[in-house]
């Protein structure tokens, strides 16, 4: 049975749970057959690479400079509150709150790096352990591998498969590869690239493909935030935002989905596994 026929047999457009069923099915199929990622060996490898990509002393200095800058901004902004208009005061409060959040983040990073330098014990880094848990739960993550930068530092490469549910069908948005190569300039579009393309050659629009002509992914309004997080070595936080972009299509572009992307395909084994999974979850 083809996936299209199977979905047609289980999806009832009038059922309020049909959207959830389709979303769960899309996520299951995107992850079906992926390599085993969450193992102690792969977790430890990720930890080693994470701490070795940027020298700890350099990271500690960057965190201290960030904390000092956030504190400076907070001190400079606060006296302006009394002289500001109501609208300006609200903006200043938001800027001060952001400075406080930045200061807290950098102080936390200082604590993490200092503790690691002192103890050399990755397993005691609770924040990094949480990073790993968040990493392996990212939608559509297929694999994590590593390559070597010009400075002979290992860096992670993560592969995502993206399926999108729409009007009772699942569309294949292809694969995106994220490369945290330290050789790239901050802000480089090469960080995320579509490496398996499912858009016909005749499709000439960036929407809803959200990709430039060189196949680099466009993160829109989140671009600056994502690259700032990468620059601060907050890779998983950056990936969470990337993953959101990979799986998001703006409402005004919905109508173009059937013309832009192919419907997802699955063999009988995958469909059988999907049917068992949805049944176990009580969705069908």
Protein backbone atom coordinates (compact mmCIF):
# COMPACT_ATOMS: atom_id res chain seq x y z
CA UNK A 1 0.00 0.00 0.00
CA UNK A 2 1.24 3.49 -0.84
CA UNK A 3 1.56 6.03 1.96
CA UNK A 4 -1.00 8.28 0.25
CA UNK A 5 -3.58 5.48 0.29
CA UNK A 6 -2.79 4.57 3.88
CA UNK A 7 -3.20 8.14 5.12
CA UNK A 8 -6.45 8.43 3.18
CA UNK A 9 -7.75 5.38 5.02
CA UNK A 10 -7.01 6.69 8.53
CA UNK A 11 -7.45 10.46 8.22
CA UNK A 12 -10.98 11.79 8.59
CA UNK A 13 -11.10 15.52 7.74
CA UNK A 14 -14.06 15.94 10.09
CA UNK A 15 -12.22 14.42 13.05
CA UNK A 16 -10.74 17.08 15.31
CA UNK A 17 -7.84 14.71 16.11
CA UNK A 18 -6.89 14.20 12.47
CA UNK A 19 -4.39 17.07 12.51
CA UNK A 20 -2.59 15.59 15.52
CA UNK A 21 -2.58 12.14 13.90
CA UNK A 22 -1.03 13.57 10.75
CA UNK A 23 1.60 15.52 12.70
CA UNK A 24 2.58 12.45 14.71
CA UNK A 25 2.74 10.39 11.52
CA UNK A 26 4.97 12.97 9.85
CA UNK A 27 7.37 13.04 12.79
CA UNK A 28 7.46 9.24 13.02
CA UNK A 29 8.24 8.80 9.33
CA UNK A 30 10.93 11.51 9.36
CA UNK A 31 12.71 9.64 12.15
CA UNK A 32 11.96 6.10 10.95
CA UNK A 33 15.12 4.19 10.10
CA UNK A 34 17.47 6.82 11.48
CA UNK A 35 20.72 5.82 13.14
CA UNK A 36 20.75 5.24 16.90
CA UNK A 37 21.79 8.59 18.34
CA UNK A 38 21.17 8.53 22.08
CA UNK A 39 23.98 6.29 23.31
CA UNK A 40 26.52 6.93 26.10
CA UNK A 41 29.37 6.75 23.57
CA UNK A 42 27.84 9.35 21.23
CA UNK A 43 26.91 11.60 24.14
CA UNK A 44 30.48 11.56 25.45
CA UNK A 45 31.82 12.23 21.95
CA UNK A 46 29.53 15.24 21.60
CA UNK A 47 30.68 16.56 25.00
CA UNK A 48 34.35 16.24 24.04
CA UNK A 49 33.80 18.04 20.75
CA UNK A 50 31.68 20.73 22.40
CA UNK A 51 34.43 21.67 24.85
CA UNK A 52 37.28 21.32 22.38
CA UNK A 53 35.88 23.37 19.46
CA UNK A 54 36.65 26.66 21.16
CA UNK A 55 39.54 26.70 23.68
CA UNK A 56 38.15 26.91 27.20
CA UNK A 57 40.31 29.90 28.10
CA UNK A 58 39.00 31.78 25.05
CA UNK A 59 35.42 30.86 25.90
CA UNK A 60 35.91 32.00 29.48
CA UNK A 61 37.29 35.34 28.31
CA UNK A 62 34.38 35.78 25.88
CA UNK A 63 31.88 35.05 28.66
CA UNK A 64 33.53 37.55 31.00
CA UNK A 65 33.48 40.22 28.31
CA UNK A 66 29.82 39.46 27.63
CA UNK A 67 28.95 39.75 31.32
CA UNK A 68 30.80 43.06 31.60
CA UNK A 69 29.03 44.45 28.53
CA UNK A 70 25.59 43.38 29.82
CA UNK A 71 26.31 44.99 33.20
CA UNK A 72 27.52 48.18 31.49
CA UNK A 73 24.33 48.40 29.42
CA UNK A 74 22.15 47.94 32.49
CA UNK A 75 24.02 50.67 34.42
CA UNK A 76 23.87 53.11 31.51
CA UNK A 77 20.20 52.55 30.69
CA UNK A 78 18.72 52.80 34.20
CA UNK A 79 19.30 56.59 34.78
CA UNK A 80 17.45 57.33 31.53
CA UNK A 81 14.17 55.94 32.91
CA UNK A 82 13.21 59.06 34.89
CA UNK A 83 13.58 61.38 31.90
CA UNK A 84 11.90 59.12 29.35
CA UNK A 85 8.37 59.31 27.99
CA UNK A 86 5.94 56.50 28.75
CA UNK A 87 6.63 54.73 25.46
CA UNK A 88 10.39 55.20 25.79
CA UNK A 89 10.24 53.97 29.38
CA UNK A 90 8.65 50.69 28.31
CA UNK A 91 11.35 50.20 25.70
CA UNK A 92 14.08 50.97 28.21
CA UNK A 93 12.61 48.48 30.70
CA UNK A 94 12.68 45.81 28.02
CA UNK A 95 16.29 46.62 27.18
CA UNK A 96 17.27 46.55 30.86
CA UNK A 97 15.48 43.22 31.35
CA UNK A 98 17.34 41.81 28.35
CA UNK A 99 20.63 43.08 29.77
CA UNK A 100 19.85 41.30 33.05
CA UNK A 101 19.07 38.07 31.19
CA UNK A 102 22.30 38.37 29.22
CA UNK A 103 24.25 39.01 32.40
CA UNK A 104 22.73 35.93 34.04
CA UNK A 105 23.50 33.81 30.98
CA UNK A 106 27.14 34.86 30.81
CA UNK A 107 27.61 34.38 34.56
CA UNK A 108 26.18 30.88 34.17
CA UNK A 109 28.59 30.20 31.30
CA UNK A 110 31.50 31.47 33.43
CA UNK A 111 30.46 29.09 36.20
CA UNK A 112 30.19 26.16 33.79
CA UNK A 113 33.56 26.71 32.16
CA UNK A 114 35.34 27.43 35.46
CA UNK A 115 33.89 24.27 37.03
CA UNK A 116 34.94 22.19 34.05
CA UNK A 117 38.48 23.60 34.01
CA UNK A 118 38.78 22.84 37.73
CA UNK A 119 37.21 19.38 37.76
CA UNK A 120 37.60 18.18 34.17
CA UNK A 121 34.35 16.30 34.72
CA UNK A 122 31.89 16.60 31.86
CA UNK A 123 29.44 14.21 33.49
CA UNK A 124 28.86 16.72 36.31
CA UNK A 125 27.86 19.49 33.92
CA UNK A 126 24.07 19.41 34.39
CA UNK A 127 23.48 22.11 31.78
CA UNK A 128 25.37 20.15 29.15
CA UNK A 129 23.48 16.99 30.09
CA UNK A 130 20.24 18.91 29.50
CA UNK A 131 21.62 20.14 26.19
CA UNK A 132 22.09 16.54 25.10
CA UNK A 133 18.55 15.57 26.13
CA UNK A 134 17.17 18.50 24.12
CA UNK A 135 19.40 17.65 21.17
CA UNK A 136 18.26 14.04 20.73
CA UNK A 137 14.59 15.13 20.89
CA UNK A 138 14.85 17.51 17.92
CA UNK A 139 12.30 16.67 15.22
CA UNK A 140 13.59 14.77 12.24
CA UNK A 141 17.17 14.46 13.47
CA UNK A 142 18.76 11.65 11.44
CA UNK A 143 22.40 11.59 12.41
CA UNK A 144 25.31 13.38 14.09
CA UNK A 145 28.77 13.11 12.60
CA UNK A 146 31.98 15.11 12.85
CA UNK A 147 34.57 16.64 10.53
CA UNK A 148 37.81 18.49 11.13
CA UNK A 149 38.22 22.26 10.75
CA UNK A 150 41.26 24.04 9.33
CA UNK A 151 42.51 24.37 12.90
CA UNK A 152 42.23 20.57 13.26
CA UNK A 153 39.26 20.85 15.61
CA UNK A 154 36.36 18.44 15.35
CA UNK A 155 32.97 20.05 14.79
CA UNK A 156 29.46 18.52 14.64
CA UNK A 157 27.34 18.04 11.52
CA UNK A 158 23.65 17.27 12.07
CA UNK A 159 21.28 15.95 9.42
CA UNK A 160 17.53 16.65 9.58
CA UNK A 161 14.70 15.17 7.52
CA UNK A 162 11.66 17.41 7.28
CA UNK A 163 8.12 16.18 6.61
CA UNK A 164 5.18 18.58 6.71
CA UNK A 165 1.50 17.59 7.23
CA UNK A 166 -1.03 19.51 5.15
CA UNK A 167 -4.65 18.77 4.20
CA UNK A 168 -4.54 15.07 4.97
CA UNK A 169 -1.20 14.48 3.27
CA UNK A 170 2.46 14.50 4.29
CA UNK A 171 4.88 16.44 2.12
CA UNK A 172 8.59 15.74 1.88
CA UNK A 173 10.54 18.98 2.40
CA UNK A 174 13.88 17.23 1.95
CA UNK A 175 16.95 17.04 4.18
CA UNK A 176 18.84 19.90 5.78
CA UNK A 177 22.41 19.61 7.03
CA UNK A 178 23.64 21.89 9.82
CA UNK A 179 27.40 22.34 10.06
CA UNK A 180 28.89 24.14 13.07
CA UNK A 181 32.19 24.60 11.24
CA UNK A 182 34.34 27.13 13.15
CA UNK A 183 35.94 28.08 9.80
CA UNK A 184 32.67 29.76 8.81
CA UNK A 185 32.26 33.44 9.52
CA UNK A 186 29.58 34.36 12.06
CA UNK A 187 26.43 34.86 10.05
CA UNK A 188 27.52 32.54 7.25
CA UNK A 189 24.63 31.12 5.24
CA UNK A 190 26.63 27.90 4.78
CA UNK A 191 25.74 26.74 8.29
CA UNK A 192 22.45 25.19 7.13
CA UNK A 193 22.13 23.69 3.64
CA UNK A 194 19.47 21.63 1.91
CA UNK A 195 21.33 18.49 0.85
CA UNK A 196 18.37 16.46 -0.42
CA UNK A 197 16.10 18.59 -2.55
CA UNK A 198 12.47 17.70 -3.27
CA UNK A 199 11.43 20.81 -5.17
CA UNK A 200 11.06 20.44 -8.97
CA UNK A 201 13.62 22.23 -11.12
CA UNK A 202 10.84 24.36 -12.56
CA UNK A 203 10.04 25.87 -9.15
CA UNK A 204 11.50 29.35 -9.27
CA UNK A 205 10.29 30.87 -6.00
CA UNK A 206 11.95 30.96 -2.58
CA UNK A 207 8.54 30.37 -0.99
CA UNK A 208 7.68 28.09 0.71
CA UNK A 209 11.09 26.54 0.01
CA UNK A 210 12.81 29.21 2.16
CA UNK A 211 16.15 28.53 0.52
CA UNK A 212 18.55 30.75 -1.42
CA UNK A 213 19.95 29.88 -4.82
CA UNK A 214 22.99 28.17 -3.26
CA UNK A 215 20.65 25.88 -1.24
CA UNK A 216 21.43 27.63 2.06
CA UNK A 217 18.42 27.85 4.37
CA UNK A 218 16.79 31.22 5.05
CA UNK A 219 15.90 31.75 8.73
CA UNK A 220 14.15 35.07 8.15
CA UNK A 221 13.63 37.16 11.27
CA UNK A 222 15.43 34.56 13.45
CA UNK A 223 18.65 34.72 11.43
CA UNK A 224 20.51 37.18 13.67
CA UNK A 225 19.42 35.45 16.89
CA UNK A 226 20.48 32.03 15.60
CA UNK A 227 23.92 33.23 14.58
CA UNK A 228 24.39 35.11 17.85
CA UNK A 229 23.70 31.87 19.73
CA UNK A 230 26.18 30.01 17.57
CA UNK A 231 28.78 32.68 18.24
CA UNK A 232 28.21 32.17 21.97
CA UNK A 233 28.61 28.39 21.55
CA UNK A 234 24.97 27.82 22.54
CA UNK A 235 24.56 25.25 19.78
CA UNK A 236 21.48 23.43 21.03
CA UNK A 237 19.59 26.68 21.64
CA UNK A 238 20.45 27.64 18.06
CA UNK A 239 19.34 24.23 16.80
CA UNK A 240 15.98 24.49 18.55
CA UNK A 241 15.29 27.71 16.67
CA UNK A 242 16.59 26.22 13.42
CA UNK A 243 14.39 23.17 13.86
CA UNK A 244 11.38 25.45 14.34
CA UNK A 245 12.20 27.17 11.04
CA UNK A 246 12.70 23.87 9.19
CA UNK A 247 9.20 22.78 10.22
CA UNK A 248 7.38 26.10 9.73
CA UNK A 249 5.53 27.44 6.71
CA UNK A 250 3.78 30.78 6.73
CA UNK A 251 0.03 30.65 6.25
CA UNK A 252 0.10 32.75 3.08
CA UNK A 253 2.34 30.10 1.48
CA UNK A 254 0.19 27.06 2.32
CA UNK A 255 -1.47 27.05 -1.11
CA UNK A 256 1.91 26.54 -2.77
CA UNK A 257 2.87 23.43 -0.79
CA UNK A 258 1.44 20.86 -3.29
CA UNK A 259 3.23 22.54 -6.20
CA UNK A 260 6.52 23.08 -4.38
CA UNK A 261 7.02 19.73 -2.67
CA UNK A 262 6.49 16.06 -3.41
CA UNK A 263 4.34 13.88 -1.21
CA UNK A 264 6.31 11.71 1.19
CA UNK A 265 6.81 8.06 0.30
CA UNK A 266 7.21 5.01 2.52
CA UNK A 267 7.63 1.29 1.94
CA UNK A 268 5.31 -1.36 3.37
CA UNK A 269 7.59 -1.96 6.35
CA UNK A 270 7.55 1.72 7.34
CA UNK A 271 3.78 1.95 6.86
CA UNK A 272 3.29 -1.14 9.02
CA UNK A 273 5.48 0.36 11.76
CA UNK A 274 3.58 3.65 11.51
CA UNK A 275 0.23 1.87 11.79
CA UNK A 276 1.40 0.00 14.90
CA UNK A 277 2.74 3.23 16.44
CA UNK A 278 -0.46 5.22 15.84
CA UNK A 279 -2.55 2.34 17.17
CA UNK A 280 -0.42 2.08 20.30
CA UNK A 281 -0.78 5.83 20.85
CA UNK A 282 -4.57 5.53 20.54
CA UNK A 283 -4.71 7.89 17.56
CA UNK A 284 -6.40 5.39 15.23
